[in-house]
């Protein structure tokens, strides 16, 4: 039976795989669902860092500011 989500194979060292198994068991999850969850968390963190970097680059001292209400008119 085909799944709607693509599969990605990842290879870990024995120690890391063992640690993931322990964590998954403690959280009553499968290893694959734990790895999926951890990957999504890491992607969100990277996205936040990237967007923060962009915000810092465009934050210019002395630039004109607008009220929220005026910006969305």
N, C-alpha and C. Protein backbone atom coordinates (compact mmCIF):
# COMPACT_ATOMS: atom_id res chain seq x y z
N UNK A 1 0.84 -1.18 0.00
CA UNK A 1 0.00 0.00 0.00
C UNK A 1 0.89 1.24 0.00
N UNK A 2 0.66 2.13 -0.92
CA UNK A 2 1.46 3.35 -1.03
C UNK A 2 1.01 4.37 0.02
N UNK A 3 1.98 5.14 0.49
CA UNK A 3 1.65 6.19 1.45
C UNK A 3 1.63 7.52 0.72
N UNK A 4 0.92 8.50 1.28
CA UNK A 4 0.85 9.80 0.64
C UNK A 4 2.08 10.64 0.95
N UNK A 5 2.83 10.30 2.01
CA UNK A 5 4.03 11.04 2.38
C UNK A 5 5.27 10.30 1.87
N UNK A 6 6.21 11.02 1.30
CA UNK A 6 7.44 10.36 0.83
C UNK A 6 8.26 9.85 2.02
N UNK A 7 8.99 8.78 1.78
CA UNK A 7 9.85 8.21 2.82
C UNK A 7 11.28 8.67 2.59
N UNK A 8 11.98 8.90 3.70
CA UNK A 8 13.38 9.29 3.66
C UNK A 8 14.14 8.36 4.59
N UNK A 9 15.18 7.72 4.08
CA UNK A 9 15.99 6.84 4.90
C UNK A 9 17.16 7.60 5.49
N UNK A 10 17.39 7.40 6.79
CA UNK A 10 18.48 8.06 7.49
C UNK A 10 19.27 6.99 8.22
N UNK A 11 20.60 7.10 8.17
CA UNK A 11 21.46 6.15 8.86
C UNK A 11 22.15 6.85 10.02
N UNK A 12 22.09 6.24 11.21
CA UNK A 12 22.73 6.77 12.40
C UNK A 12 23.78 5.81 12.92
N UNK A 13 24.71 6.35 13.69
CA UNK A 13 25.67 5.50 14.39
C UNK A 13 24.91 4.69 15.43
N UNK A 14 25.49 3.58 15.88
CA UNK A 14 24.81 2.70 16.83
C UNK A 14 24.40 3.44 18.10
N UNK A 15 25.29 4.27 18.63
CA UNK A 15 24.99 4.99 19.86
C UNK A 15 23.80 5.91 19.72
N UNK A 16 23.75 6.62 18.61
CA UNK A 16 22.64 7.54 18.36
C UNK A 16 21.34 6.78 18.16
N UNK A 17 21.40 5.68 17.41
CA UNK A 17 20.21 4.86 17.19
C UNK A 17 19.70 4.29 18.51
N UNK A 18 20.62 3.87 19.35
CA UNK A 18 20.22 3.34 20.66
C UNK A 18 19.57 4.41 21.52
N UNK A 19 20.15 5.60 21.51
CA UNK A 19 19.58 6.71 22.28
C UNK A 19 18.19 7.07 21.77
N UNK A 20 18.01 7.10 20.45
CA UNK A 20 16.69 7.37 19.89
C UNK A 20 15.68 6.31 20.30
N UNK A 21 16.11 5.06 20.34
CA UNK A 21 15.21 3.98 20.77
C UNK A 21 14.78 4.16 22.21
N UNK A 22 15.73 4.54 23.07
CA UNK A 22 15.41 4.76 24.49
C UNK A 22 14.41 5.91 24.63
N UNK A 23 14.69 7.03 23.94
CA UNK A 23 13.78 8.18 24.00
C UNK A 23 12.39 7.82 23.50
N UNK A 24 12.33 7.09 22.38
CA UNK A 24 11.04 6.71 21.80
C UNK A 24 10.27 5.83 22.77
N UNK A 25 10.94 4.89 23.40
CA UNK A 25 10.29 4.00 24.36
C UNK A 25 9.74 4.81 25.54
N UNK A 26 10.53 5.76 26.04
CA UNK A 26 10.09 6.59 27.18
C UNK A 26 8.87 7.42 26.83
N UNK A 27 8.77 7.85 25.58
CA UNK A 27 7.66 8.69 25.15
C UNK A 27 6.53 7.90 24.50
N UNK A 28 6.64 6.57 24.53
CA UNK A 28 5.63 5.69 23.93
C UNK A 28 5.37 6.02 22.46
N UNK A 29 6.47 6.21 21.73
CA UNK A 29 6.38 6.52 20.30
C UNK A 29 7.25 5.52 19.54
N UNK A 30 7.02 5.47 18.24
CA UNK A 30 7.94 4.71 17.40
C UNK A 30 9.19 5.57 17.17
N UNK A 31 10.28 4.92 16.83
CA UNK A 31 11.51 5.67 16.55
C UNK A 31 11.29 6.60 15.37
N UNK A 32 10.59 6.12 14.36
CA UNK A 32 10.39 6.96 13.17
C UNK A 32 9.54 8.19 13.49
N UNK A 33 8.52 8.06 14.32
CA UNK A 33 7.72 9.24 14.65
C UNK A 33 8.51 10.20 15.53
N UNK A 34 9.38 9.69 16.40
CA UNK A 34 10.23 10.56 17.21
C UNK A 34 11.22 11.32 16.33
N UNK A 35 11.84 10.63 15.39
CA UNK A 35 12.79 11.28 14.49
C UNK A 35 12.08 12.32 13.64
N UNK A 36 10.88 12.03 13.20
CA UNK A 36 10.09 13.01 12.44
C UNK A 36 9.83 14.25 13.28
N UNK A 37 9.38 14.04 14.53
CA UNK A 37 9.10 15.16 15.43
C UNK A 37 10.35 16.00 15.70
N UNK A 38 11.47 15.35 15.98
CA UNK A 38 12.72 16.06 16.24
C UNK A 38 13.19 16.83 15.01
N UNK A 39 13.01 16.25 13.84
CA UNK A 39 13.40 16.91 12.60
C UNK A 39 12.57 18.17 12.36
N UNK A 40 11.27 18.07 12.58
CA UNK A 40 10.40 19.24 12.40
C UNK A 40 10.76 20.34 13.40
N UNK A 41 11.09 19.97 14.64
CA UNK A 41 11.52 20.96 15.63
C UNK A 41 12.80 21.65 15.18
N UNK A 42 13.75 20.88 14.68
CA UNK A 42 15.02 21.45 14.21
C UNK A 42 14.81 22.38 13.03
N UNK A 43 13.92 22.01 12.12
CA UNK A 43 13.63 22.87 10.97
C UNK A 43 12.99 24.19 11.42
N UNK A 44 12.11 24.13 12.41
CA UNK A 44 11.50 25.36 12.92
C UNK A 44 12.56 26.27 13.55
N UNK A 45 13.50 25.68 14.30
CA UNK A 45 14.57 26.47 14.91
C UNK A 45 15.44 27.13 13.84
N UNK A 46 15.79 26.37 12.80
CA UNK A 46 16.60 26.94 11.71
C UNK A 46 15.85 28.07 11.01
N UNK A 47 14.56 27.88 10.80
CA UNK A 47 13.76 28.91 10.16
C UNK A 47 13.75 30.17 11.03
N UNK A 48 13.56 30.00 12.34
CA UNK A 48 13.56 31.15 13.25
C UNK A 48 14.89 31.89 13.21
N UNK A 49 16.00 31.14 13.20
CA UNK A 49 17.32 31.77 13.14
C UNK A 49 17.49 32.54 11.84
N UNK A 50 17.06 31.95 10.74
CA UNK A 50 17.18 32.59 9.43
C UNK A 50 16.36 33.88 9.37
N UNK A 51 15.10 33.81 9.86
CA UNK A 51 14.25 34.99 9.82
C UNK A 51 14.76 36.08 10.77
N UNK A 52 15.35 35.68 11.90
CA UNK A 52 15.93 36.65 12.82
C UNK A 52 17.11 37.37 12.17
N UNK A 53 17.90 36.62 11.43
CA UNK A 53 19.05 37.20 10.73
C UNK A 53 18.58 38.23 9.70
N UNK A 54 17.55 37.89 8.95
CA UNK A 54 17.00 38.82 7.97
C UNK A 54 16.46 40.07 8.66
N UNK A 55 15.74 39.87 9.77
CA UNK A 55 15.18 41.01 10.50
C UNK A 55 16.29 41.93 11.00
N UNK A 56 17.39 41.37 11.48
CA UNK A 56 18.51 42.19 11.96
C UNK A 56 19.14 42.99 10.81
N UNK A 57 19.20 42.38 9.63
CA UNK A 57 19.80 43.05 8.48
C UNK A 57 18.96 44.23 8.00
N UNK A 58 17.65 44.12 8.09
CA UNK A 58 16.80 45.21 7.58
C UNK A 58 16.40 46.20 8.67
N UNK A 59 16.78 45.92 9.92
CA UNK A 59 16.49 46.83 11.03
C UNK A 59 17.51 47.96 11.01
N UNK A 60 17.10 49.09 10.46
CA UNK A 60 18.00 50.24 10.30
C UNK A 60 17.62 51.30 11.32
N UNK A 61 18.61 51.76 12.05
CA UNK A 61 18.37 52.79 13.05
C UNK A 61 17.89 54.07 12.36
N UNK A 62 16.87 54.69 12.94
CA UNK A 62 16.36 55.94 12.39
C UNK A 62 15.35 55.77 11.26
N UNK A 63 14.99 54.54 10.93
CA UNK A 63 14.02 54.36 9.84
C UNK A 63 12.62 54.71 10.31
N UNK A 64 11.78 55.06 9.38
CA UNK A 64 10.41 55.47 9.70
C UNK A 64 9.61 54.26 10.16
N UNK A 65 8.80 54.45 11.17
CA UNK A 65 7.94 53.38 11.67
C UNK A 65 6.48 53.73 11.41
N UNK A 66 5.64 52.71 11.40
CA UNK A 66 4.22 52.87 11.15
C UNK A 66 3.43 52.18 12.25
N UNK A 67 2.28 52.73 12.59
CA UNK A 67 1.38 52.07 13.51
C UNK A 67 0.80 50.84 12.83
N UNK A 68 0.47 49.84 13.62
CA UNK A 68 -0.11 48.60 13.08
C UNK A 68 -1.36 48.90 12.26
N UNK A 69 -2.22 49.75 12.80
CA UNK A 69 -3.47 50.06 12.10
C UNK A 69 -3.22 50.71 10.74
N UNK A 70 -2.20 51.58 10.67
CA UNK A 70 -1.90 52.26 9.42
C UNK A 70 -1.27 51.30 8.40
N UNK A 71 -0.50 50.38 8.87
CA UNK A 71 0.17 49.45 7.96
C UNK A 71 -0.81 48.52 7.26
N UNK A 72 -1.95 48.23 7.88
CA UNK A 72 -2.89 47.27 7.32
C UNK A 72 -4.12 47.92 6.71
N UNK A 73 -4.03 49.20 6.38
CA UNK A 73 -5.17 49.87 5.73
C UNK A 73 -5.20 49.55 4.27
